[in-house]
Amino acid sequence: MNNSFFSKFTPKETKFFPILKEMSDIMLIATDLIIECVQKGDHESAIEYYKKIKEQEKRGDVLSNRVFDELNTTFITPFDREDINSLANHMDDVTDRINSCAKKIVLYNPKKMPQSAVDLALELKNGVLCIGKAVDELDVLKKSAKNVKAFCKELHDIENRADDVYETFLIHLFENEKDGIELIKQKEIMSELEKATDVTDQVGKIIKTIIVKYA
């Protein structure tokens, strides 16, 4: 057990922190790309942005698999193996959702992107930035958890704001969009963005679990 008497006097492997940091950087790159994608709104640009986001998604998969492999070969880990694996998987899920959103934009080719898509993508970036700050402090969590706790609360607040954006979008969409096919296209695309913000909050909950166990 990582929290056994013996493990308290055994050096813990810190190689997971730089991997998680790199994963947070990948999320940020993908988020910036999806923001630009929904801002431009044309099909040709969407294709190019999807290609770039897909590259980041593949990078994220490689790192997520690397975390899994390292967990299987590392004797003493800084936190529970299950928590590290769950944290890496959910961080990768954020990038996966962004990739799925970009893919749907290309496949569905909506006539226009609503302003709500930009607003939601910007909230997503706020969440990704928050995750990056929290990950930066995981290696000093036992010394002080104050900042990380604040980041987790901020992630939940961001997710609530994103929900408000999405719900308001749905209200206006069903009230004003007369083209049924276009309605479905926009709803599906926005749903992927909203799910990405949901996953950022789930990342915060995993970090809170780590705080309870180790801070």
N, C-alpha and C. Protein backbone atom coordinates (compact mmCIF):
# COMPACT_ATOMS: atom_id res chain seq x y z
N MET A 1 0.85 -1.21 0.00
CA MET A 1 0.00 0.00 0.00
C MET A 1 0.88 1.25 0.00
N ASN A 2 0.50 2.24 -0.76
CA ASN A 2 1.29 3.47 -0.84
C ASN A 2 1.33 4.23 0.48
N ASN A 3 0.27 4.08 1.30
CA ASN A 3 0.20 4.83 2.54
C ASN A 3 0.59 3.97 3.73
N SER A 4 1.31 2.87 3.50
CA SER A 4 1.77 2.00 4.57
C SER A 4 2.91 2.66 5.33
N PHE A 5 3.24 2.07 6.51
CA PHE A 5 4.34 2.60 7.31
C PHE A 5 5.63 2.62 6.52
N PHE A 6 5.88 1.53 5.77
CA PHE A 6 7.12 1.43 4.99
C PHE A 6 7.22 2.52 3.94
N SER A 7 6.09 2.79 3.25
CA SER A 7 6.12 3.74 2.14
C SER A 7 6.40 5.15 2.58
N LYS A 8 6.15 5.45 3.88
CA LYS A 8 6.39 6.80 4.38
C LYS A 8 7.88 7.13 4.38
N PHE A 9 8.72 6.10 4.36
CA PHE A 9 10.16 6.32 4.41
C PHE A 9 10.84 5.93 3.10
N THR A 10 10.02 5.70 2.08
CA THR A 10 10.56 5.29 0.78
C THR A 10 10.37 6.41 -0.24
N PRO A 11 11.41 6.79 -0.97
CA PRO A 11 11.26 7.85 -1.99
C PRO A 11 10.18 7.48 -3.00
N LYS A 12 9.34 8.43 -3.31
CA LYS A 12 8.26 8.19 -4.27
C LYS A 12 8.65 8.71 -5.64
N GLU A 13 8.25 7.99 -6.68
CA GLU A 13 8.59 8.35 -8.05
C GLU A 13 7.79 9.57 -8.47
N THR A 14 8.51 10.63 -8.89
CA THR A 14 7.86 11.89 -9.25
C THR A 14 7.70 12.07 -10.76
N LYS A 15 8.00 11.03 -11.53
CA LYS A 15 7.96 11.17 -12.99
C LYS A 15 6.56 11.41 -13.53
N PHE A 16 5.53 11.13 -12.70
CA PHE A 16 4.16 11.32 -13.17
C PHE A 16 3.79 12.79 -13.30
N PHE A 17 4.39 13.65 -12.50
CA PHE A 17 4.04 15.07 -12.53
C PHE A 17 4.35 15.72 -13.88
N PRO A 18 5.55 15.52 -14.46
CA PRO A 18 5.80 16.11 -15.78
C PRO A 18 4.90 15.55 -16.88
N ILE A 19 4.51 14.27 -16.75
CA ILE A 19 3.61 13.68 -17.76
C ILE A 19 2.25 14.36 -17.68
N LEU A 20 1.74 14.52 -16.47
CA LEU A 20 0.44 15.18 -16.29
C LEU A 20 0.50 16.63 -16.74
N LYS A 21 1.63 17.28 -16.50
CA LYS A 21 1.80 18.66 -16.95
C LYS A 21 1.75 18.73 -18.47
N GLU A 22 2.40 17.79 -19.13
CA GLU A 22 2.38 17.76 -20.59
C GLU A 22 0.96 17.51 -21.11
N MET A 23 0.21 16.69 -20.39
CA MET A 23 -1.18 16.43 -20.79
C MET A 23 -2.03 17.69 -20.66
N SER A 24 -1.76 18.48 -19.61
CA SER A 24 -2.52 19.73 -19.45
C SER A 24 -2.15 20.72 -20.55
N ASP A 25 -0.89 20.71 -20.98
CA ASP A 25 -0.47 21.57 -22.10
C ASP A 25 -1.18 21.17 -23.40
N ILE A 26 -1.32 19.87 -23.60
CA ILE A 26 -2.02 19.37 -24.79
C ILE A 26 -3.48 19.82 -24.78
N MET A 27 -4.12 19.72 -23.63
CA MET A 27 -5.51 20.18 -23.50
C MET A 27 -5.63 21.65 -23.88
N LEU A 28 -4.68 22.45 -23.43
CA LEU A 28 -4.73 23.88 -23.70
C LEU A 28 -4.56 24.17 -25.19
N ILE A 29 -3.64 23.48 -25.84
CA ILE A 29 -3.45 23.65 -27.28
C ILE A 29 -4.73 23.30 -28.03
N ALA A 30 -5.33 22.16 -27.67
CA ALA A 30 -6.57 21.73 -28.33
C ALA A 30 -7.70 22.72 -28.09
N THR A 31 -7.75 23.27 -26.88
CA THR A 31 -8.80 24.25 -26.55
C THR A 31 -8.65 25.52 -27.36
N ASP A 32 -7.43 26.01 -27.48
CA ASP A 32 -7.19 27.21 -28.29
C ASP A 32 -7.58 26.97 -29.75
N LEU A 33 -7.32 25.77 -30.23
CA LEU A 33 -7.66 25.44 -31.61
C LEU A 33 -9.18 25.40 -31.82
N ILE A 34 -9.91 24.83 -30.87
CA ILE A 34 -11.37 24.75 -31.04
C ILE A 34 -12.00 26.13 -30.91
N ILE A 35 -11.41 27.00 -30.10
CA ILE A 35 -11.90 28.38 -30.00
C ILE A 35 -11.77 29.06 -31.36
N GLU A 36 -10.60 28.95 -31.98
CA GLU A 36 -10.39 29.55 -33.29
C GLU A 36 -11.32 28.92 -34.33
N CYS A 37 -11.53 27.62 -34.22
CA CYS A 37 -12.39 26.90 -35.17
C CYS A 37 -13.81 27.44 -35.14
N VAL A 38 -14.39 27.58 -33.95
CA VAL A 38 -15.78 28.04 -33.87
C VAL A 38 -15.89 29.54 -34.16
N GLN A 39 -14.81 30.27 -33.94
CA GLN A 39 -14.83 31.69 -34.28
C GLN A 39 -14.86 31.91 -35.79
N LYS A 40 -14.08 31.13 -36.51
CA LYS A 40 -14.03 31.30 -37.98
C LYS A 40 -15.29 30.76 -38.64
N GLY A 41 -15.69 29.56 -38.27
CA GLY A 41 -16.97 29.03 -38.69
C GLY A 41 -17.09 28.48 -40.09
N ASP A 42 -16.06 28.65 -40.95
CA ASP A 42 -16.19 28.13 -42.32
C ASP A 42 -15.66 26.71 -42.41
N HIS A 43 -16.16 25.97 -43.39
CA HIS A 43 -15.88 24.54 -43.49
C HIS A 43 -14.41 24.25 -43.78
N GLU A 44 -13.80 25.03 -44.66
CA GLU A 44 -12.41 24.81 -45.02
C GLU A 44 -11.49 24.96 -43.80
N SER A 45 -11.73 25.99 -43.02
CA SER A 45 -10.93 26.20 -41.81
C SER A 45 -11.18 25.07 -40.81
N ALA A 46 -12.44 24.63 -40.70
CA ALA A 46 -12.79 23.57 -39.75
C ALA A 46 -12.00 22.30 -40.04
N ILE A 47 -11.83 21.99 -41.32
CA ILE A 47 -11.08 20.78 -41.70
C ILE A 47 -9.64 20.87 -41.20
N GLU A 48 -9.02 22.02 -41.40
CA GLU A 48 -7.63 22.20 -40.97
C GLU A 48 -7.51 22.17 -39.45
N TYR A 49 -8.47 22.79 -38.76
CA TYR A 49 -8.42 22.77 -37.29
C TYR A 49 -8.63 21.37 -36.75
N TYR A 50 -9.50 20.61 -37.39
CA TYR A 50 -9.73 19.24 -36.95
C TYR A 50 -8.45 18.40 -37.07
N LYS A 51 -7.72 18.60 -38.15
CA LYS A 51 -6.47 17.86 -38.33
C LYS A 51 -5.49 18.19 -37.20
N LYS A 52 -5.40 19.47 -36.86
CA LYS A 52 -4.47 19.89 -35.81
C LYS A 52 -4.91 19.38 -34.44
N ILE A 53 -6.22 19.42 -34.20
CA ILE A 53 -6.74 18.92 -32.92
C ILE A 53 -6.54 17.41 -32.82
N LYS A 54 -6.72 16.71 -33.93
CA LYS A 54 -6.51 15.26 -33.95
C LYS A 54 -5.08 14.91 -33.58
N GLU A 55 -4.13 15.73 -34.00
CA GLU A 55 -2.73 15.50 -33.65
C GLU A 55 -2.55 15.58 -32.13
N GLN A 56 -3.20 16.55 -31.52
CA GLN A 56 -3.11 16.70 -30.06
C GLN A 56 -3.81 15.54 -29.35
N GLU A 57 -4.91 15.10 -29.92
CA GLU A 57 -5.64 13.98 -29.33
C GLU A 57 -4.78 12.72 -29.33
N LYS A 58 -4.03 12.51 -30.40
CA LYS A 58 -3.13 11.35 -30.48
C LYS A 58 -2.01 11.48 -29.46
N ARG A 59 -1.48 12.69 -29.30
CA ARG A 59 -0.43 12.92 -28.30
C ARG A 59 -0.96 12.62 -26.90
N GLY A 60 -2.19 13.03 -26.65
CA GLY A 60 -2.79 12.77 -25.35
C GLY A 60 -2.95 11.28 -25.08
N ASP A 61 -3.36 10.54 -26.10
CA ASP A 61 -3.51 9.09 -25.96
C ASP A 61 -2.18 8.42 -25.62
N VAL A 62 -1.12 8.87 -26.28
CA VAL A 62 0.21 8.30 -26.02
C VAL A 62 0.60 8.52 -24.56
N LEU A 63 0.36 9.73 -24.05
CA LEU A 63 0.74 10.05 -22.67
C LEU A 63 -0.13 9.30 -21.68
N SER A 64 -1.42 9.17 -21.99
CA SER A 64 -2.31 8.43 -21.11
C SER A 64 -1.88 6.98 -21.00
N ASN A 65 -1.50 6.38 -22.12
CA ASN A 65 -1.00 5.01 -22.12
C ASN A 65 0.34 4.91 -21.39
N ARG A 66 1.13 5.96 -21.50
CA ARG A 66 2.42 5.97 -20.80
C ARG A 66 2.22 5.97 -19.29
N VAL A 67 1.25 6.75 -18.82
CA VAL A 67 0.95 6.76 -17.39
C VAL A 67 0.57 5.36 -16.93
N PHE A 68 -0.28 4.70 -17.70
CA PHE A 68 -0.69 3.34 -17.36
C PHE A 68 0.51 2.40 -17.28
N ASP A 69 1.39 2.48 -18.26
CA ASP A 69 2.57 1.62 -18.29
C ASP A 69 3.49 1.91 -17.11
N GLU A 70 3.68 3.19 -16.81
CA GLU A 70 4.55 3.57 -15.70
C GLU A 70 3.98 3.09 -14.36
N LEU A 71 2.68 3.14 -14.22
CA LEU A 71 2.05 2.68 -12.98
C LEU A 71 2.30 1.20 -12.75
N ASN A 72 2.40 0.45 -13.83
CA ASN A 72 2.61 -0.99 -13.73
C ASN A 72 4.06 -1.37 -13.44
N THR A 73 4.97 -0.40 -13.55
CA THR A 73 6.39 -0.70 -13.34
C THR A 73 7.00 0.12 -12.21
N THR A 74 6.20 0.96 -11.55
CA THR A 74 6.71 1.83 -10.49
C THR A 74 6.32 1.26 -9.13
N PHE A 75 7.29 1.16 -8.23
CA PHE A 75 7.07 0.55 -6.93
C PHE A 75 6.27 1.47 -6.01
N ILE A 76 6.77 2.68 -5.81
CA ILE A 76 6.10 3.64 -4.92
C ILE A 76 5.66 4.85 -5.74
N THR A 77 4.36 5.14 -5.73
CA THR A 77 3.81 6.27 -6.49
C THR A 77 3.45 7.40 -5.52
N PRO A 78 3.42 8.65 -6.01
CA PRO A 78 3.13 9.79 -5.12
C PRO A 78 1.71 9.77 -4.57
N PHE A 79 0.76 9.22 -5.32
CA PHE A 79 -0.63 9.08 -4.89
C PHE A 79 -1.09 7.67 -5.25
N ASP A 80 -2.28 7.31 -4.84
CA ASP A 80 -2.82 5.99 -5.19
C ASP A 80 -2.79 5.79 -6.70
N ARG A 81 -2.44 4.59 -7.12
CA ARG A 81 -2.36 4.28 -8.54
C ARG A 81 -3.69 4.54 -9.25
N GLU A 82 -4.77 4.15 -8.57
CA GLU A 82 -6.09 4.33 -9.18
C GLU A 82 -6.39 5.81 -9.43
N ASP A 83 -5.98 6.68 -8.49
CA ASP A 83 -6.24 8.11 -8.64
C ASP A 83 -5.40 8.72 -9.75
N ILE A 84 -4.14 8.30 -9.85
CA ILE A 84 -3.27 8.81 -10.91
C ILE A 84 -3.82 8.38 -12.27
N ASN A 85 -4.20 7.12 -12.37
CA ASN A 85 -4.73 6.60 -13.64
C ASN A 85 -6.03 7.30 -14.01
N SER A 86 -6.91 7.50 -13.04
CA SER A 86 -8.19 8.18 -13.29
C SER A 86 -7.97 9.63 -13.69
N LEU A 87 -7.03 10.30 -13.04
CA LEU A 87 -6.73 11.69 -13.37
C LEU A 87 -6.22 11.80 -14.81
N ALA A 88 -5.29 10.95 -15.18
CA ALA A 88 -4.74 10.98 -16.55
C ALA A 88 -5.82 10.67 -17.57
N ASN A 89 -6.65 9.67 -17.28
CA ASN A 89 -7.71 9.30 -18.23
C ASN A 89 -8.72 10.42 -18.44
N HIS A 90 -9.10 11.09 -17.36
CA HIS A 90 -10.08 12.17 -17.49
C HIS A 90 -9.48 13.40 -18.17
N MET A 91 -8.21 13.68 -17.92
CA MET A 91 -7.56 14.77 -18.64
C MET A 91 -7.53 14.46 -20.13
N ASP A 92 -7.26 13.20 -20.46
CA ASP A 92 -7.27 12.78 -21.86
C ASP A 92 -8.68 12.87 -22.44
N ASP A 93 -9.69 12.59 -21.61
CA ASP A 93 -11.08 12.67 -22.07
C ASP A 93 -11.47 14.08 -22.50
N VAL A 94 -10.89 15.09 -21.83
CA VAL A 94 -11.18 16.48 -22.22
C VAL A 94 -10.73 16.70 -23.66
N THR A 95 -9.51 16.28 -23.97
CA THR A 95 -8.99 16.42 -25.33
C THR A 95 -9.81 15.58 -26.31
N ASP A 96 -10.24 14.41 -25.88
CA ASP A 96 -11.07 13.56 -26.73
C ASP A 96 -12.38 14.25 -27.09
N ARG A 97 -13.00 14.91 -26.12
CA ARG A 97 -14.26 15.62 -26.36
C ARG A 97 -14.07 16.78 -27.32
N ILE A 98 -12.95 17.48 -27.16
CA ILE A 98 -12.65 18.59 -28.08
C ILE A 98 -12.48 18.05 -29.49
N ASN A 99 -11.78 16.94 -29.60
CA ASN A 99 -11.59 16.31 -30.91
C ASN A 99 -12.93 15.88 -31.51
N SER A 100 -13.80 15.33 -30.67
CA SER A 100 -15.12 14.90 -31.14
C SER A 100 -15.94 16.08 -31.63
N CYS A 101 -15.83 17.21 -30.92
CA CYS A 101 -16.53 18.42 -31.33
C CYS A 101 -16.04 18.90 -32.70
N ALA A 102 -14.72 18.95 -32.86
CA ALA A 102 -14.14 19.38 -34.14
C ALA A 102 -14.55 18.45 -35.27
N LYS A 103 -14.60 17.17 -34.98
CA LYS A 103 -15.00 16.18 -35.98
C LYS A 103 -16.44 16.40 -36.42
N LYS A 104 -17.31 16.69 -35.47
CA LYS A 104 -18.72 16.90 -35.81
C LYS A 104 -18.91 18.18 -36.61
N ILE A 105 -18.11 19.19 -36.31
CA ILE A 105 -18.19 20.44 -37.09
C ILE A 105 -17.87 20.14 -38.55
N VAL A 106 -16.85 19.31 -38.77
CA VAL A 106 -16.46 18.96 -40.14
C VAL A 106 -17.52 18.10 -40.81
N LEU A 107 -18.00 17.09 -40.11
CA LEU A 107 -18.96 16.16 -40.69
C LEU A 107 -20.31 16.80 -40.94
N TYR A 108 -20.78 17.62 -40.00
CA TYR A 108 -22.12 18.20 -40.11
C TYR A 108 -22.15 19.47 -40.95
N ASN A 109 -21.01 20.18 -40.97
CA ASN A 109 -20.90 21.41 -41.76
C ASN A 109 -22.13 22.32 -41.56
N PRO A 110 -22.31 22.83 -40.34
CA PRO A 110 -23.47 23.70 -40.09
C PRO A 110 -23.38 25.00 -40.89
N LYS A 111 -24.52 25.60 -41.13
CA LYS A 111 -24.55 26.86 -41.90
C LYS A 111 -23.83 27.97 -41.15
N LYS A 112 -23.91 27.92 -39.83
CA LYS A 112 -23.23 28.93 -39.02
C LYS A 112 -22.94 28.34 -37.65
N MET A 113 -21.96 28.95 -36.97
CA MET A 113 -21.68 28.57 -35.59
C MET A 113 -22.26 29.65 -34.68
N PRO A 114 -23.05 29.25 -33.69
CA PRO A 114 -23.65 30.26 -32.81
C PRO A 114 -22.60 30.91 -31.91
N GLN A 115 -22.87 32.13 -31.49
CA GLN A 115 -21.96 32.82 -30.57
C GLN A 115 -21.79 32.03 -29.28
N SER A 116 -22.81 31.27 -28.92
CA SER A 116 -22.73 30.45 -27.71
C SER A 116 -21.60 29.44 -27.79
N ALA A 117 -21.26 29.00 -28.99
CA ALA A 117 -20.15 28.07 -29.16
C ALA A 117 -18.84 28.71 -28.73
N VAL A 118 -18.67 29.97 -29.09
CA VAL A 118 -17.47 30.71 -28.69
C VAL A 118 -17.47 30.89 -27.18
N ASP A 119 -18.62 31.28 -26.62
CA ASP A 119 -18.72 31.50 -25.18
C ASP A 119 -18.41 30.22 -24.41
N LEU A 120 -18.94 29.11 -24.90
CA LEU A 120 -18.72 27.83 -24.23
C LEU A 120 -17.26 27.39 -24.34
N ALA A 121 -16.68 27.60 -25.51
CA ALA A 121 -15.27 27.24 -25.71
C ALA A 121 -14.35 28.07 -24.82
N LEU A 122 -14.71 29.32 -24.61
CA LEU A 122 -13.91 30.18 -23.72
C LEU A 122 -14.02 29.72 -22.27
N GLU A 123 -15.21 29.28 -21.86
CA GLU A 123 -15.35 28.73 -20.52
C GLU A 123 -14.54 27.44 -20.38
N LEU A 124 -14.52 26.66 -21.45
CA LEU A 124 -13.72 25.44 -21.45
C LEU A 124 -12.24 25.78 -21.24
N LYS A 125 -11.79 26.83 -21.91
CA LYS A 125 -10.39 27.24 -21.73
C LYS A 125 -10.12 27.64 -20.29
N ASN A 126 -11.07 28.34 -19.67
CA ASN A 126 -10.91 28.71 -18.26
C ASN A 126 -10.71 27.46 -17.41
N GLY A 127 -11.50 26.41 -17.71
CA GLY A 127 -11.37 25.17 -16.97
C GLY A 127 -10.04 24.48 -17.20
N VAL A 128 -9.60 24.47 -18.44
CA VAL A 128 -8.32 23.83 -18.77
C VAL A 128 -7.16 24.56 -18.11
N LEU A 129 -7.22 25.88 -18.12
CA LEU A 129 -6.18 26.67 -17.44
C LEU A 129 -6.16 26.36 -15.95
N CYS A 130 -7.33 26.20 -15.38
CA CYS A 130 -7.46 25.89 -13.96
C CYS A 130 -6.86 24.52 -13.64
N ILE A 131 -7.11 23.56 -14.50
CA ILE A 131 -6.53 22.23 -14.32
C ILE A 131 -5.01 22.31 -14.37
N GLY A 132 -4.49 23.09 -15.32
CA GLY A 132 -3.05 23.25 -15.43
C GLY A 132 -2.44 23.81 -14.16
N LYS A 133 -3.10 24.79 -13.55
CA LYS A 133 -2.60 25.37 -12.30
C LYS A 133 -2.62 24.35 -11.17
N ALA A 134 -3.68 23.56 -11.12
CA ALA A 134 -3.79 22.54 -10.07
C ALA A 134 -2.72 21.47 -10.23
N VAL A 135 -2.50 21.03 -11.48
CA VAL A 135 -1.49 20.00 -11.75
C VAL A 135 -0.10 20.50 -11.37
N ASP A 136 0.15 21.79 -11.60
CA ASP A 136 1.45 22.37 -11.27
C ASP A 136 1.76 22.27 -9.77
N GLU A 137 0.72 22.18 -8.95
CA GLU A 137 0.93 22.18 -7.50
C GLU A 137 0.74 20.81 -6.86
N LEU A 138 0.50 19.79 -7.64
CA LEU A 138 0.30 18.46 -7.07
C LEU A 138 1.54 17.95 -6.33
N ASP A 139 2.72 18.33 -6.83
CA ASP A 139 3.94 17.82 -6.19
C ASP A 139 4.22 18.47 -4.84
N VAL A 140 3.52 19.56 -4.52
CA VAL A 140 3.69 20.20 -3.20
C VAL A 140 2.39 20.15 -2.40
N LEU A 141 1.51 19.24 -2.79
CA LEU A 141 0.18 19.16 -2.19
C LEU A 141 0.23 18.94 -0.68
N LYS A 142 1.15 18.10 -0.24
CA LYS A 142 1.22 17.78 1.19
C LYS A 142 1.69 18.96 2.03
N LYS A 143 2.41 19.89 1.41
CA LYS A 143 2.86 21.08 2.12
C LYS A 143 1.74 22.10 2.26
N SER A 144 0.97 22.27 1.19
CA SER A 144 -0.15 23.20 1.21
C SER A 144 -1.15 22.85 0.12
N ALA A 145 -2.40 22.63 0.54
CA ALA A 145 -3.45 22.27 -0.41
C ALA A 145 -4.39 23.44 -0.68
N LYS A 146 -4.08 24.59 -0.10
CA LYS A 146 -4.99 25.74 -0.19
C LYS A 146 -5.27 26.14 -1.63
N ASN A 147 -4.22 26.30 -2.41
CA ASN A 147 -4.41 26.75 -3.80
C ASN A 147 -5.14 25.71 -4.63
N VAL A 148 -4.78 24.44 -4.43
CA VAL A 148 -5.41 23.38 -5.21
C VAL A 148 -6.89 23.27 -4.88
N LYS A 149 -7.24 23.45 -3.61
CA LYS A 149 -8.65 23.45 -3.22
C LYS A 149 -9.40 24.57 -3.94
N ALA A 150 -8.77 25.73 -4.02
CA ALA A 150 -9.39 26.88 -4.68
C ALA A 150 -9.58 26.60 -6.17
N PHE A 151 -8.60 25.94 -6.79
CA PHE A 151 -8.72 25.61 -8.21
C PHE A 151 -9.87 24.62 -8.45
N CYS A 152 -10.04 23.68 -7.55
CA CYS A 152 -11.13 22.70 -7.68
C CYS A 152 -12.49 23.39 -7.57
N LYS A 153 -12.60 24.33 -6.64
CA LYS A 153 -13.85 25.09 -6.52
C LYS A 153 -14.11 25.90 -7.77
N GLU A 154 -13.04 26.51 -8.31
CA GLU A 154 -13.19 27.31 -9.52
C GLU A 154 -13.64 26.45 -10.70
N LEU A 155 -13.12 25.23 -10.77
CA LEU A 155 -13.54 24.31 -11.84
C LEU A 155 -15.03 24.03 -11.77
N HIS A 156 -15.55 23.86 -10.56
CA HIS A 156 -16.99 23.61 -10.41
C HIS A 156 -17.79 24.84 -10.82
N ASP A 157 -17.31 26.02 -10.45
CA ASP A 157 -18.00 27.27 -10.82
C ASP A 157 -18.00 27.45 -12.34
N ILE A 158 -16.89 27.13 -12.98
CA ILE A 158 -16.80 27.23 -14.44
C ILE A 158 -17.79 26.29 -15.10
N GLU A 159 -17.88 25.07 -14.57
CA GLU A 159 -18.80 24.08 -15.14
C GLU A 159 -20.25 24.56 -15.01
N ASN A 160 -20.56 25.22 -13.90
CA ASN A 160 -21.91 25.76 -13.72
C ASN A 160 -22.20 26.88 -14.72
N ARG A 161 -21.21 27.73 -14.96
CA ARG A 161 -21.39 28.80 -15.94
C ARG A 161 -21.56 28.22 -17.34
N ALA A 162 -20.79 27.18 -17.63
CA ALA A 162 -20.90 26.52 -18.94
C ALA A 162 -22.29 25.91 -19.11
N ASP A 163 -22.83 25.32 -18.06
CA ASP A 163 -24.19 24.77 -18.12
C ASP A 163 -25.20 25.86 -18.45
N ASP A 164 -25.01 27.03 -17.84
CA ASP A 164 -25.92 28.15 -18.11
C ASP A 164 -25.85 28.57 -19.57
N VAL A 165 -24.64 28.63 -20.11
CA VAL A 165 -24.46 28.99 -21.52
C VAL A 165 -25.18 27.98 -22.41
N TYR A 166 -24.99 26.71 -22.12
CA TYR A 166 -25.58 25.65 -22.93
C TYR A 166 -27.10 25.65 -22.84
N GLU A 167 -27.63 25.83 -21.64
CA GLU A 167 -29.08 25.84 -21.47
C GLU A 167 -29.72 27.04 -22.17
N THR A 168 -29.07 28.19 -22.06
CA THR A 168 -29.58 29.38 -22.75
C THR A 168 -29.54 29.18 -24.26
N PHE A 169 -28.47 28.56 -24.74
CA PHE A 169 -28.36 28.24 -26.17
C PHE A 169 -29.52 27.36 -26.61
N LEU A 170 -29.82 26.33 -25.85
CA LEU A 170 -30.90 25.42 -26.21
C LEU A 170 -32.25 26.12 -26.27
N ILE A 171 -32.48 26.99 -25.32
CA ILE A 171 -33.75 27.75 -25.31
C ILE A 171 -33.90 28.55 -26.60
N HIS A 172 -32.85 29.30 -26.95
CA HIS A 172 -32.91 30.13 -28.16
C HIS A 172 -32.96 29.27 -29.42
N LEU A 173 -32.25 28.16 -29.40
CA LEU A 173 -32.21 27.28 -30.57
C LEU A 173 -33.61 26.75 -30.89
N PHE A 174 -34.29 26.23 -29.89
CA PHE A 174 -35.61 25.63 -30.12
C PHE A 174 -36.68 26.69 -30.38
N GLU A 175 -36.43 27.90 -29.93
CA GLU A 175 -37.39 28.98 -30.18
C GLU A 175 -37.23 29.58 -31.58
N ASN A 176 -36.00 29.61 -32.09
CA ASN A 176 -35.73 30.40 -33.29
C ASN A 176 -35.31 29.60 -34.53
N GLU A 177 -34.75 28.42 -34.35
CA GLU A 177 -34.27 27.66 -35.51
C GLU A 177 -35.41 26.86 -36.13
N LYS A 178 -35.76 27.19 -37.35
CA LYS A 178 -36.88 26.54 -38.04
C LYS A 178 -36.45 25.35 -38.88
N ASP A 179 -35.15 25.30 -39.19
CA ASP A 179 -34.61 24.20 -39.97
C ASP A 179 -34.27 23.05 -39.02
N GLY A 180 -35.03 21.95 -39.10
CA GLY A 180 -34.84 20.84 -38.17
C GLY A 180 -33.47 20.21 -38.26
N ILE A 181 -32.93 20.08 -39.46
CA ILE A 181 -31.61 19.48 -39.64
C ILE A 181 -30.53 20.37 -39.04
N GLU A 182 -30.65 21.67 -39.30
CA GLU A 182 -29.67 22.62 -38.75
C GLU A 182 -29.75 22.61 -37.22
N LEU A 183 -30.93 22.48 -36.68
CA LEU A 183 -31.12 22.42 -35.23
C LEU A 183 -30.34 21.24 -34.65
N ILE A 184 -30.47 20.09 -35.28
CA ILE A 184 -29.78 18.90 -34.79
C ILE A 184 -28.27 19.07 -34.88
N LYS A 185 -27.80 19.63 -35.98
CA LYS A 185 -26.36 19.85 -36.16
C LYS A 185 -25.78 20.70 -35.04
N GLN A 186 -26.40 21.85 -34.80
CA GLN A 186 -25.88 22.76 -33.79
C GLN A 186 -25.97 22.16 -32.39
N LYS A 187 -27.05 21.48 -32.11
CA LYS A 187 -27.23 20.87 -30.79
C LYS A 187 -26.15 19.80 -30.54
N GLU A 188 -25.87 18.98 -31.52
CA GLU A 188 -24.88 17.92 -31.37
C GLU A 188 -23.48 18.50 -31.15
N ILE A 189 -23.15 19.53 -31.89
CA ILE A 189 -21.83 20.16 -31.76
C ILE A 189 -21.68 20.81 -30.38
N MET A 190 -22.70 21.54 -29.97
CA MET A 190 -22.65 22.21 -28.68
C MET A 190 -22.65 21.21 -27.53
N SER A 191 -23.31 20.09 -27.72
CA SER A 191 -23.34 19.07 -26.69
C SER A 191 -21.93 18.54 -26.39
N GLU A 192 -21.11 18.38 -27.43
CA GLU A 192 -19.74 17.90 -27.22
C GLU A 192 -18.92 18.91 -26.44
N LEU A 193 -19.10 20.19 -26.75
CA LEU A 193 -18.39 21.24 -26.00
C LEU A 193 -18.82 21.23 -24.53
N GLU A 194 -20.11 21.09 -24.31
CA GLU A 194 -20.64 21.09 -22.94
C GLU A 194 -20.11 19.89 -22.16
N LYS A 195 -20.03 18.75 -22.82
CA LYS A 195 -19.51 17.54 -22.17
C LYS A 195 -18.04 17.71 -21.81
N ALA A 196 -17.30 18.45 -22.63
CA ALA A 196 -15.89 18.70 -22.33
C ALA A 196 -15.76 19.49 -21.03
N THR A 197 -16.64 20.48 -20.84
CA THR A 197 -16.60 21.25 -19.59
C THR A 197 -17.02 20.38 -18.41
N ASP A 198 -17.93 19.45 -18.63
CA ASP A 198 -18.32 18.51 -17.57
C ASP A 198 -17.11 17.69 -17.12
N VAL A 199 -16.31 17.27 -18.08
CA VAL A 199 -15.15 16.44 -17.74
C VAL A 199 -14.10 17.24 -16.97
N THR A 200 -13.97 18.54 -17.26
CA THR A 200 -13.03 19.34 -16.48
C THR A 200 -13.44 19.37 -15.01
N ASP A 201 -14.74 19.42 -14.75
CA ASP A 201 -15.22 19.38 -13.37
C ASP A 201 -14.94 18.02 -12.74
N GLN A 202 -15.06 16.96 -13.53
CA GLN A 202 -14.74 15.62 -13.03
C GLN A 202 -13.26 15.50 -12.66
N VAL A 203 -12.41 16.17 -13.44
CA VAL A 203 -10.99 16.22 -13.10
C VAL A 203 -10.81 16.86 -11.74
N GLY A 204 -11.54 17.95 -11.51
CA GLY A 204 -11.48 18.62 -10.21
C GLY A 204 -11.90 17.70 -9.07
N LYS A 205 -12.91 16.89 -9.30
CA LYS A 205 -13.38 15.97 -8.26
C LYS A 205 -12.34 14.90 -7.95
N ILE A 206 -11.63 14.45 -8.97
CA ILE A 206 -10.56 13.47 -8.74
C ILE A 206 -9.44 14.10 -7.90
N ILE A 207 -9.10 15.34 -8.23
CA ILE A 207 -8.06 16.04 -7.47
C ILE A 207 -8.51 16.25 -6.03
N LYS A 208 -9.79 16.53 -5.82
CA LYS A 208 -10.32 16.68 -4.46
C LYS A 208 -10.18 15.38 -3.68
N THR A 209 -10.39 14.25 -4.35
CA THR A 209 -10.21 12.95 -3.70
C THR A 209 -8.76 12.78 -3.25
N ILE A 210 -7.84 13.19 -4.10
CA ILE A 210 -6.42 13.11 -3.76
C ILE A 210 -6.11 14.00 -2.56
N ILE A 211 -6.72 15.18 -2.52
CA ILE A 211 -6.52 16.11 -1.40
C ILE A 211 -6.97 15.46 -0.10
N VAL A 212 -8.15 14.84 -0.11
CA VAL A 212 -8.69 14.19 1.09
C VAL A 212 -7.73 13.11 1.60
N LYS A 213 -7.11 12.39 0.70
CA LYS A 213 -6.24 11.27 1.09
C LYS A 213 -4.85 11.71 1.54
N TYR A 214 -4.35 12.80 0.95
CA TYR A 214 -2.92 13.10 1.14
C TYR A 214 -2.60 14.47 1.72
N ALA A 215 -3.50 15.43 1.62
CA ALA A 215 -3.14 16.78 2.09
C ALA A 215 -3.24 16.89 3.61
